[in-house]
Amino acid sequence: MTNSLDDQILAAVRAGHASRAQLMAIESLRLMTWAAVNERLKALTKAGNLVSTSTGWRLA
């Protein structure tokens, strides 16, 4: 089960916004701290939804 922030992150990655700079430029995510977004990225990666790459993240 994902929460709203997870859904926003997955939608952004799906749309090609995979780097930290691209993610934090999105209005809804910019209202969050990087720490909060990064925590969810780690959780989504651990759950197998995302893969961390040298340039950001991609869908698993």
C-alpha atoms as a PDB file:
ATOM      1  CA  MET A   1       0.000   0.000   0.000  1.00  0.00           C
ATOM      2  CA  THR A   2       1.389   3.386  -0.978  1.00  0.00           C
ATOM      3  CA  ASN A   3       0.658   6.798   0.409  1.00  0.00           C
ATOM      4  CA  SER A   4       0.072  10.020  -1.499  1.00  0.00           C
ATOM      5  CA  LEU A   5       3.741  11.036  -1.418  1.00  0.00           C
ATOM      6  CA  ASP A   6       4.727   7.615  -2.782  1.00  0.00           C
ATOM      7  CA  ASP A   7       2.162   7.995  -5.574  1.00  0.00           C
ATOM      8  CA  GLN A   8       3.546  11.444  -6.451  1.00  0.00           C
ATOM      9  CA  ILE A   9       7.131  10.150  -6.511  1.00  0.00           C
ATOM     10  CA  LEU A  10       6.243   7.122  -8.655  1.00  0.00           C
ATOM     11  CA  ALA A  11       4.293   9.328 -11.081  1.00  0.00           C
ATOM     12  CA  ALA A  12       7.232  11.737 -11.336  1.00  0.00           C
ATOM     13  CA  VAL A  13       9.715   8.933 -12.021  1.00  0.00           C
ATOM     14  CA  ARG A  14       7.312   7.413 -14.532  1.00  0.00           C
ATOM     15  CA  ALA A  15       7.166  10.809 -16.294  1.00  0.00           C
ATOM     16  CA  GLY A  16      10.961  10.957 -16.495  1.00  0.00           C
ATOM     17  CA  HIS A  17      11.701  13.189 -13.497  1.00  0.00           C
ATOM     18  CA  ALA A  18      14.259  10.894 -11.915  1.00  0.00           C
ATOM     19  CA  SER A  19      17.037  13.058 -10.512  1.00  0.00           C
ATOM     20  CA  ARG A  20      16.977  14.847  -7.173  1.00  0.00           C
ATOM     21  CA  ALA A  21      16.878  18.237  -8.903  1.00  0.00           C
ATOM     22  CA  GLN A  22      14.001  17.175 -11.156  1.00  0.00           C
ATOM     23  CA  LEU A  23      12.013  15.697  -8.283  1.00  0.00           C
ATOM     24  CA  MET A  24      12.450  18.752  -6.073  1.00  0.00           C
ATOM     25  CA  ALA A  25      11.406  21.069  -8.927  1.00  0.00           C
ATOM     26  CA  ILE A  26       7.921  19.505  -8.916  1.00  0.00           C
ATOM     27  CA  GLU A  27       5.560  21.821  -7.057  1.00  0.00           C
ATOM     28  CA  SER A  28       3.923  19.201  -4.846  1.00  0.00           C
ATOM     29  CA  LEU A  29       7.264  17.685  -3.823  1.00  0.00           C
ATOM     30  CA  ARG A  30       8.982  21.038  -3.347  1.00  0.00           C
ATOM     31  CA  LEU A  31       6.721  21.632  -0.361  1.00  0.00           C
ATOM     32  CA  MET A  32       8.378  18.618   1.319  1.00  0.00           C
ATOM     33  CA  THR A  33      11.879  18.571   2.701  1.00  0.00           C
ATOM     34  CA  TRP A  34      14.460  16.558   0.780  1.00  0.00           C
ATOM     35  CA  ALA A  35      14.811  14.319   3.849  1.00  0.00           C
ATOM     36  CA  ALA A  36      11.119  13.345   3.652  1.00  0.00           C
ATOM     37  CA  VAL A  37      11.258  12.695  -0.095  1.00  0.00           C
ATOM     38  CA  ASN A  38      14.546  10.783   0.240  1.00  0.00           C
ATOM     39  CA  GLU A  39      13.094   8.587   3.006  1.00  0.00           C
ATOM     40  CA  ARG A  40      10.212   7.605   0.738  1.00  0.00           C
ATOM     41  CA  LEU A  41      12.598   6.990  -2.182  1.00  0.00           C
ATOM     42  CA  LYS A  42      14.572   4.604   0.025  1.00  0.00           C
ATOM     43  CA  ALA A  43      11.377   2.827   1.105  1.00  0.00           C
ATOM     44  CA  LEU A  44      10.153   2.526  -2.493  1.00  0.00           C
ATOM     45  CA  THR A  45      13.557   1.180  -3.534  1.00  0.00           C
ATOM     46  CA  LYS A  46      13.591  -1.348  -0.693  1.00  0.00           C
ATOM     47  CA  ALA A  47      10.052  -2.443  -1.601  1.00  0.00           C
ATOM     48  CA  GLY A  48      11.184  -3.099  -5.162  1.00  0.00           C
ATOM     49  CA  ASN A  49       9.239  -0.300  -6.842  1.00  0.00           C
ATOM     50  CA  LEU A  50      12.286   1.803  -7.792  1.00  0.00           C
ATOM     51  CA  VAL A  51      15.910   1.169  -8.657  1.00  0.00           C
ATOM     52  CA  SER A  52      18.550   3.689  -7.650  1.00  0.00           C
ATOM     53  CA  THR A  53      20.982   4.622 -10.443  1.00  0.00           C
ATOM     54  CA  SER A  54      23.969   6.942 -10.688  1.00  0.00           C
ATOM     55  CA  THR A  55      21.711   9.639 -12.172  1.00  0.00           C
ATOM     56  CA  GLY A  56      18.628   9.170  -9.983  1.00  0.00           C
ATOM     57  CA  TRP A  57      15.892   6.539  -9.923  1.00  0.00           C
ATOM     58  CA  ARG A  58      13.963   4.437 -12.401  1.00  0.00           C
ATOM     59  CA  LEU A  59      10.995   2.126 -12.146  1.00  0.00           C
ATOM     60  CA  ALA A  60      11.928  -1.437 -11.232  1.00  0.00           C
END
